[in-house]
Protein backbone atom coordinates (compact mmCIF):
# COMPACT_ATOMS: atom_id res chain seq x y z
CA MET A 1 9.55 20.15 -2.08
CA ILE A 2 6.73 22.30 -1.60
CA LYS A 3 5.02 22.26 2.17
CA GLU A 4 1.13 23.96 1.46
CA GLU A 5 -1.09 23.45 3.76
CA ASN A 6 -3.52 20.44 2.62
CA LYS A 7 -1.72 20.27 -0.28
CA PHE A 8 -0.72 16.26 -1.62
CA SER A 9 0.36 14.12 -3.54
CA VAL A 10 -0.94 10.56 -5.54
CA LEU A 11 1.60 8.18 -6.19
CA LEU A 12 0.98 4.56 -8.06
CA SER A 13 3.24 2.31 -10.16
CA VAL A 14 2.10 0.79 -13.01
CA TYR A 15 4.02 -2.20 -14.87
CA ILE A 16 3.00 -4.14 -18.01
CA LYS A 17 0.71 -6.50 -16.54
CA GLU A 18 -2.08 -4.74 -15.05
CA LYS A 19 -4.80 -3.85 -16.95
CA PRO A 20 -5.48 -1.18 -18.65
CA GLU A 21 -9.52 -0.84 -17.84
CA PHE A 22 -8.52 -1.43 -13.78
CA LEU A 23 -5.97 1.30 -14.80
CA LYS A 24 -8.64 3.20 -15.72
CA SER A 25 -10.92 3.14 -12.84
CA ALA A 26 -7.68 3.57 -10.38
CA LEU A 27 -7.50 7.07 -11.96
CA ASN A 28 -10.92 8.11 -12.16
CA SER A 29 -11.19 7.05 -8.27
CA ILE A 30 -8.45 9.11 -7.84
CA TYR A 31 -9.41 12.56 -9.22
CA LEU A 32 -12.09 12.60 -11.21
CA GLU A 33 -14.42 11.01 -7.88
CA GLN A 34 -12.78 12.46 -5.57
CA THR A 35 -14.10 15.13 -2.12
CA LEU A 36 -10.96 16.54 -2.25
CA LYS A 37 -8.87 16.83 -5.84
CA PRO A 38 -4.75 15.95 -5.23
CA ASP A 39 -2.60 18.64 -6.08
CA GLU A 40 -0.48 16.20 -7.63
CA ILE A 41 -0.61 12.40 -9.29
CA VAL A 42 2.85 10.78 -9.89
CA LEU A 43 2.50 7.50 -12.37
CA VAL A 44 6.00 5.64 -12.61
CA LYS A 45 5.76 3.72 -14.92
CA ASP A 46 8.28 0.22 -14.23
CA GLY A 47 9.12 -0.61 -17.55
CA PRO A 48 8.06 -0.96 -21.10
CA LEU A 49 3.68 -1.55 -20.77
CA THR A 50 1.52 -2.47 -23.89
CA LYS A 51 0.30 -0.32 -25.88
CA GLU A 52 -3.48 -0.58 -24.13
CA LEU A 53 -1.95 0.84 -20.85
CA ASP A 54 -0.42 3.53 -22.25
CA ASP A 55 -3.34 4.79 -24.43
CA VAL A 56 -5.39 5.06 -20.90
CA ILE A 57 -2.20 7.03 -19.70
CA ASP A 58 -1.97 9.18 -21.99
CA LYS A 59 -5.60 10.14 -22.73
CA PHE A 60 -5.62 11.05 -19.00
CA LYS A 61 -2.39 13.37 -19.38
CA GLN A 62 -4.69 15.34 -22.05
CA ASN A 63 -7.25 15.71 -19.38
CA LEU A 64 -4.76 16.61 -16.59
CA LYS A 65 -2.55 19.00 -17.40
CA GLY A 66 -0.60 19.59 -14.83
CA ILE A 67 -1.54 17.53 -12.69
CA LEU A 68 -0.32 14.02 -13.99
CA LYS A 69 3.30 13.68 -13.87
CA ILE A 70 4.76 10.63 -15.62
CA ILE A 71 8.16 9.03 -14.90
CA VAL A 72 9.64 6.36 -17.45
CA LEU A 73 11.49 3.74 -16.39
CA LYS A 74 13.65 1.63 -18.87
CA LYS A 75 12.90 -1.38 -17.55
CA ASN A 76 11.37 -3.17 -14.99
CA MET A 77 12.64 -1.78 -11.32
CA GLY A 78 9.94 -3.80 -9.34
CA LEU A 79 7.83 -1.79 -6.60
CA GLY A 80 10.01 -1.16 -3.60
CA TYR A 81 12.36 0.43 -6.55
CA ALA A 82 9.76 2.24 -8.80
CA LEU A 83 8.60 3.93 -5.67
CA ASN A 84 11.26 4.73 -4.61
CA GLU A 85 11.92 6.77 -7.68
CA GLY A 86 8.40 8.20 -7.59
CA ILE A 87 8.79 9.83 -4.27
CA LYS A 88 11.99 12.07 -5.51
CA GLU A 89 9.17 13.51 -7.65
CA CYS A 90 6.44 13.98 -5.61
CA SER A 91 5.81 17.72 -4.97
CA TYR A 92 4.70 18.12 -1.71
CA GLU A 93 4.76 16.52 2.04
CA LEU A 94 1.89 14.54 1.80
CA ILE A 95 2.10 11.65 -0.12
CA ALA A 96 -1.04 9.72 -0.80
CA ARG A 97 -0.06 5.79 -2.05
CA MET A 98 -2.69 3.83 -4.08
CA ASP A 99 -2.47 0.56 -6.81
CA THR A 100 -3.45 0.40 -10.13
CA ASP A 101 -6.24 -1.90 -9.11
CA ASP A 102 -7.79 -0.44 -7.16
CA ILE A 103 -10.71 1.95 -6.60
CA ALA A 104 -10.54 4.15 -3.51
CA THR A 105 -13.36 5.24 -1.78
CA PRO A 106 -14.63 8.90 -3.28
CA TYR A 107 -13.98 10.62 0.36
CA ARG A 108 -10.42 8.81 1.11
CA PHE A 109 -8.24 11.84 0.61
CA GLU A 110 -10.57 14.53 2.48
CA LYS A 111 -10.83 12.02 5.38
CA GLN A 112 -6.96 11.44 5.44
CA VAL A 113 -5.30 15.34 4.55
CA SER A 114 -8.22 16.05 7.56
CA PHE A 115 -6.63 13.54 9.56
CA PHE A 116 -2.89 15.64 8.87
CA LYS A 117 -4.12 18.50 9.64
CA SER A 118 -6.02 18.02 13.27
CA ASN A 119 -3.32 15.74 14.21
CA PRO A 120 0.63 16.94 13.06
CA ASP A 121 2.08 14.73 15.41
CA VAL A 122 0.84 11.71 12.61
CA ASP A 123 4.04 10.58 9.85
CA VAL A 124 1.90 7.72 8.34
CA LEU A 125 -1.40 7.29 8.28
CA GLY A 126 -3.59 4.28 6.45
CA GLY A 127 -7.15 3.01 7.35
CA MET A 128 -9.04 0.39 6.14
CA ILE A 129 -9.79 -2.13 2.87
CA GLU A 130 -12.86 -3.79 1.52
CA GLU A 131 -12.11 -6.49 -1.02
CA PHE A 132 -14.08 -7.49 -4.00
CA GLU A 133 -13.12 -9.93 -6.65
CA GLU A 134 -15.78 -8.91 -9.60
CA VAL A 135 -17.75 -4.87 -8.61
CA PRO A 136 -17.01 -3.60 -4.83
CA GLY A 137 -19.04 -4.85 -2.52
CA ASP A 138 -19.57 -8.26 -3.81
CA LEU A 139 -17.88 -10.09 -1.28
CA GLY A 140 -18.15 -8.55 1.92
CA GLN A 141 -14.70 -9.55 3.73
CA PHE A 142 -12.52 -6.59 5.19
CA ARG A 143 -9.25 -6.19 6.06
CA MET A 144 -9.06 -4.62 9.91
CA LEU A 145 -6.53 -3.65 11.43
CA PRO A 146 -5.64 -1.70 14.66
CA PHE A 147 -6.55 2.30 15.22
CA GLU A 148 -4.00 3.25 17.45
CA HIS A 149 -0.40 3.81 17.63
CA ASP A 150 0.79 1.41 20.55
CA LYS A 151 -1.24 -1.07 19.03
CA ILE A 152 0.09 -0.49 15.83
CA LEU A 153 3.45 -1.26 16.86
CA SER A 154 2.26 -4.12 18.88
CA PHE A 155 0.89 -5.80 15.83
CA ALA A 156 4.09 -4.86 13.04
CA LYS A 157 5.47 -8.04 15.70
CA PHE A 158 4.01 -10.29 13.66
CA ARG A 159 2.01 -8.84 10.85
CA ASN A 160 1.74 -6.34 8.47
CA PRO A 161 -0.07 -2.83 10.83
CA ILE A 162 -0.86 -0.89 7.48
CA ASN A 163 -3.03 -2.09 4.23
CA HIS A 164 -0.27 -0.21 1.95
CA PRO A 165 -2.72 0.78 -1.03
CA THR A 166 -4.58 3.49 1.41
CA VAL A 167 -1.52 4.57 3.29
CA THR A 168 -1.14 8.22 3.41
CA TYR A 169 2.81 9.55 4.69
CA LYS A 170 5.48 12.42 4.66
CA LYS A 171 7.85 12.68 2.61
CA SER A 172 10.95 13.88 5.06
CA LYS A 173 9.74 10.74 7.15
CA ILE A 174 10.04 8.20 3.89
CA LEU A 175 13.88 9.82 3.61
CA GLU A 176 14.82 9.88 6.66
CA VAL A 177 14.84 6.15 6.48
CA GLY A 178 16.03 5.22 2.69
CA GLY A 179 12.50 4.68 1.23
CA TYR A 180 11.50 0.97 0.16
CA THR A 181 13.11 -1.95 0.86
CA SER A 182 13.40 -3.24 -2.97
CA ASP A 183 16.36 -6.39 -2.87
CA ILE A 184 13.23 -8.25 -0.24
CA LEU A 185 10.55 -8.92 -2.06
CA PHE A 186 6.72 -9.11 -1.16
CA TRP A 187 7.73 -7.21 1.60
CA GLU A 188 8.82 -3.74 0.54
CA ASP A 189 5.61 -1.98 2.22
CA TYR A 190 5.46 -3.90 5.84
CA LEU A 191 10.00 -4.09 5.54
CA LEU A 192 9.12 -0.02 5.81
CA TRP A 193 6.56 0.44 8.34
CA VAL A 194 9.19 -1.36 10.42
CA LYS A 195 11.77 0.88 9.94
CA LEU A 196 9.52 3.99 10.53
CA LEU A 197 8.08 2.35 13.60
CA ASN A 198 11.90 1.66 15.03
CA ASN A 199 12.66 5.43 14.03
CA GLY A 200 10.35 6.50 15.78
CA CYS A 201 7.79 7.14 13.44
CA VAL A 202 4.08 7.71 14.37
CA PHE A 203 1.00 5.52 12.74
CA HIS A 204 -2.32 5.37 13.11
CA ASN A 205 -5.07 4.25 10.55
CA LEU A 206 -9.02 5.54 10.16
CA ASP A 207 -11.70 3.25 11.52
CA SER A 208 -13.15 3.66 8.24
CA VAL A 209 -12.71 1.94 4.80
CA LEU A 210 -10.55 4.28 2.19
CA LEU A 211 -10.57 1.37 -0.87
CA SER A 212 -11.88 -1.20 -2.89
CA PHE A 213 -8.84 -3.80 -3.39
CA ARG A 214 -9.60 -6.11 -5.98
CA VAL A 215 -8.98 -9.93 -5.59
CA GLN A 216 -9.19 -11.87 -8.45
CA ASN A 217 -10.41 -15.24 -9.37
CA GLY A 218 -11.41 -16.98 -5.94
CA ASN A 219 -8.42 -14.80 -3.72
CA GLN A 220 -5.75 -15.61 -6.09
CA MET A 221 -3.41 -13.69 -4.21
CA ILE A 222 -3.74 -15.73 -1.80
CA LYS A 223 -2.62 -18.27 -3.52
CA LYS A 224 0.53 -16.79 -4.42
CA ARG A 225 1.48 -16.14 -1.35
CA ARG A 226 3.48 -18.96 -0.70
CA GLY A 227 6.18 -21.56 -2.11
CA ILE A 228 9.52 -21.62 -0.98
CA LYS A 229 10.91 -17.80 -2.88
CA TYR A 230 8.53 -16.67 -0.42
CA ALA A 231 9.39 -18.44 2.72
CA VAL A 232 12.51 -17.11 2.09
CA ASN A 233 11.90 -13.93 1.70
CA GLU A 234 9.56 -13.70 4.77
CA VAL A 235 13.56 -15.61 6.83
CA LYS A 236 14.88 -12.26 5.21
CA PHE A 237 12.08 -9.89 6.53
CA ALA A 238 12.45 -11.53 9.90
CA THR A 239 16.06 -11.11 9.47
CA PHE A 240 16.76 -7.77 8.98
CA SER A 241 14.12 -6.72 11.52
CA ARG A 242 16.39 -8.12 14.48
CA LYS A 243 19.14 -6.96 12.95
CA ILE A 244 18.31 -3.30 13.11
CA ARG A 245 17.00 -4.09 16.65
CA PHE A 246 12.92 -4.47 15.84
CA PHE A 247 12.30 -7.32 16.54
CA ASN A 248 14.48 -8.75 20.18
CA ASN A 249 15.28 -13.07 19.90
CA TYR A 250 11.82 -14.08 20.99
CA ASP A 251 10.23 -12.08 18.64
CA PHE A 252 12.95 -13.25 15.55
CA ILE A 253 12.32 -16.87 16.66
CA LYS A 254 7.89 -16.60 16.88
CA TYR A 255 8.34 -14.85 13.63
CA ILE A 256 10.07 -17.98 11.92
CA SER A 257 8.24 -20.33 13.33
CA LEU A 258 5.61 -20.13 12.80
CA LYS A 259 4.92 -18.01 9.25
CA PRO A 260 7.92 -19.13 6.42
CA PRO A 261 6.06 -22.88 7.85
CA GLY A 262 2.39 -21.54 7.25
CA ARG A 263 3.78 -20.22 2.92
CA LEU A 264 4.39 -23.87 2.74
CA LEU A 265 0.52 -24.70 3.19
CA PRO A 266 -1.54 -25.75 0.24
CA SER A 267 -3.04 -22.80 -1.22
CA ALA A 268 -6.23 -24.26 -0.02
CA ILE A 269 -5.85 -24.09 3.62
CA ILE A 270 -3.79 -20.93 3.60
CA SER A 271 -7.28 -19.82 1.84
CA ILE A 272 -9.00 -21.00 4.37
CA VAL A 273 -7.03 -19.44 7.37
CA TYR A 274 -6.50 -15.86 5.51
CA ASN A 275 -10.51 -15.64 5.23
CA THR A 276 -11.10 -17.52 8.99
CA ILE A 277 -9.07 -15.66 10.58
CA PHE A 278 -7.06 -12.47 9.03
CA ARG A 279 -10.15 -11.47 7.19
CA LYS A 280 -13.69 -10.41 8.86
CA LYS A 281 -16.66 -10.48 7.45
CA SER A 282 -18.79 -7.28 9.17
CA SER A 283 -19.59 -3.98 8.35
CA ILE A 284 -17.51 -1.20 9.32
CA LYS A 285 -17.29 2.69 7.75
CA LYS A 286 -17.95 3.74 4.30
CA LYS A 287 -18.38 7.38 5.14
């Protein structure tokens, strides 16, 4: 693992259901449009892709020779597994995560790398996201999270404290806790934060938007976050958190009493709660 100061990798995973135009926009945003360009982009192909997706990847591979590294999985293994495989192939200590349907702000990496340089004690660094449906800015809707470590730690007892697609973290710290836990679906990132916090890692969130996060078809993503399967995996997450003693008994009872039952509510009610309580219609830093 190379540790040159200020050098960093970007890690993505793509699977067959992604749209080629979204992947193209995401890759453009993390290289061509960045004020500080990554030294390496690691893209995991999580199983066979469509010809259209492969065409996009092949074009970028030609244009980003020596920068874009492709990791091929023979079958779809899921996000957690794919990211763990990608982390192994990242050459640098700093790894910036990115999803293949989002758009990074042009200053994202410059801000995060600069912060790590000034704050070497920080291990995990996230930021705010602005959600959009068709074009960035069309919803004016933000997911805001606490900034300082102590508040992030407290927040994590009940809600996910890091916007996963915005995170940059230290590879060595991820490997110390065994990477992502891939057998509890939908909670791969939240479980990783719990393990890292429990291991003494220092967290921080920047108070500015680092990413435009795509929510399609009237917040379709929110509507998917319901149902028996989702609730069962949420209980598994809470049980794991108690097993490693991140949750005490009170945290565990509070969590499973409130969160899993909410997943069984009608999707319309979940959307209302999500957008009125967990999202802010406000202006925060974008530069």
